[in-house]
Structure formats: structure tokens, C-alpha cells
Amino acid sequence: MDIFEDAIRKLYEETNERIKYLDGALREKYHGRPVDEIREPARTALAQVAMTLSDEELTAYCHAISASQAFEVRHS
């Protein structure tokens, strides 16, 4: 593996860990709360890792947080 591939892999792993941390923090604080209360904190947390979701995806993610359910981000 060359230096470029290694750097990309490391960045991916670090970003993935950060997303898991932010997701866990949101779920700890907002499970059981109304979706409208979760929307902005979730949008702000995702922006910290340069991640955006469509309004529909964000709503689904907030529902998953509120209900303590899994949420899968689909890459296109």
C-alpha cells in the first residue's frame, strides 16, 4: 500500500470513529425525544464530519435516534 492509500484509509477510519462517537452522543442525549428537537443538533453534529443528509434522510435518522433504532446511511 502506498502512502496515499494509507493516508486515505487512516482518514476514513478516523472519520468513521468520529461519526460513531457523535451518533452515540446524540442517541444518549435524545433517545425518546421528539424528532423536531433532534433535527438541528443532528444536523450540526453531522456537519462536524462534513456529512449532510437530505431532509428525508435527516428525518429518518432523527426517528431512529428517538426510537433507539439502527440507521444505515446509503452511499450513492
Protein backbone atom coordinates (compact mmCIF):
# COMPACT_ATOMS: atom_id res chain seq x y z
CA MET A 1 0.00 0.00 0.00
CA ASP A 2 1.43 3.36 -0.94
CA ILE A 3 1.49 6.43 1.29
CA PHE A 4 -1.57 7.96 -0.41
CA GLU A 5 -3.70 4.85 0.07
CA ASP A 6 -2.56 4.56 3.68
CA ALA A 7 -3.48 8.21 4.36
CA ILE A 8 -6.93 7.76 2.81
CA ARG A 9 -7.54 4.58 4.83
CA LYS A 10 -6.48 6.34 8.04
CA LEU A 11 -8.71 9.34 7.31
CA TYR A 12 -11.65 7.03 6.58
CA GLU A 13 -11.12 5.13 9.85
CA GLU A 14 -10.81 8.33 11.89
CA THR A 15 -13.93 9.81 10.29
CA ASN A 16 -15.87 6.61 10.87
CA GLU A 17 -14.86 6.61 14.55
CA ARG A 18 -15.89 10.26 14.88
CA ILE A 19 -19.29 9.51 13.30
CA LYS A 20 -19.81 6.61 15.73
CA TYR A 21 -18.90 8.88 18.66
CA LEU A 22 -21.25 11.68 17.54
CA ASP A 23 -24.06 9.20 16.84
CA GLY A 24 -23.65 7.68 20.30
CA ALA A 25 -23.72 11.09 21.94
CA LEU A 26 -26.88 12.08 20.06
CA ARG A 27 -28.57 8.81 20.95
CA GLU A 28 -27.63 9.11 24.62
CA LYS A 29 -28.99 12.62 24.88
CA TYR A 30 -32.02 12.48 22.59
CA HIS A 31 -33.50 8.96 22.68
CA GLY A 32 -37.21 9.22 23.36
CA ARG A 33 -37.29 12.92 22.42
CA PRO A 34 -39.40 14.45 19.62
CA VAL A 35 -37.88 14.40 16.15
CA ASP A 36 -38.17 18.19 15.85
CA GLU A 37 -35.99 18.56 18.94
CA ILE A 38 -33.32 16.28 17.46
CA ARG A 39 -33.14 17.75 13.94
CA GLU A 40 -30.80 20.73 14.49
CA PRO A 41 -28.42 19.01 16.94
CA ALA A 42 -28.17 16.09 14.49
CA ARG A 43 -27.55 18.40 11.52
CA THR A 44 -24.86 20.25 13.50
CA ALA A 45 -23.16 17.02 14.62
CA LEU A 46 -23.09 15.64 11.09
CA ALA A 47 -21.65 18.89 9.78
CA GLN A 48 -18.66 18.37 12.09
CA VAL A 49 -17.64 15.46 9.86
CA ALA A 50 -18.69 17.20 6.62
CA MET A 51 -21.70 14.92 6.30
CA THR A 52 -25.09 16.09 5.11
CA LEU A 53 -28.35 14.21 4.75
CA SER A 54 -31.38 15.15 2.68
CA ASP A 55 -34.36 16.37 4.69
CA GLU A 56 -35.98 12.96 4.26
CA GLU A 57 -32.84 11.12 5.41
CA LEU A 58 -32.37 13.51 8.35
CA THR A 59 -35.96 12.93 9.47
CA ALA A 60 -35.46 9.16 9.25
CA TYR A 61 -32.20 9.45 11.21
CA CYS A 62 -33.92 11.54 13.90
CA HIS A 63 -36.71 8.97 14.15
CA ALA A 64 -34.06 6.26 14.58
CA ILE A 65 -32.36 8.26 17.34
CA SER A 66 -35.67 8.88 19.12
CA ALA A 67 -36.66 5.22 18.92
CA SER A 68 -33.15 3.87 19.65
CA GLN A 69 -33.15 2.04 16.33
CA ALA A 70 -30.39 1.40 13.84
CA PHE A 71 -29.91 3.74 10.90
CA GLU A 72 -27.92 2.93 7.80
CA VAL A 73 -26.52 5.66 5.60
CA ARG A 74 -26.64 4.61 1.98
CA HIS A 75 -23.84 5.86 -0.22
CA SER A 76 -24.66 6.63 -3.82
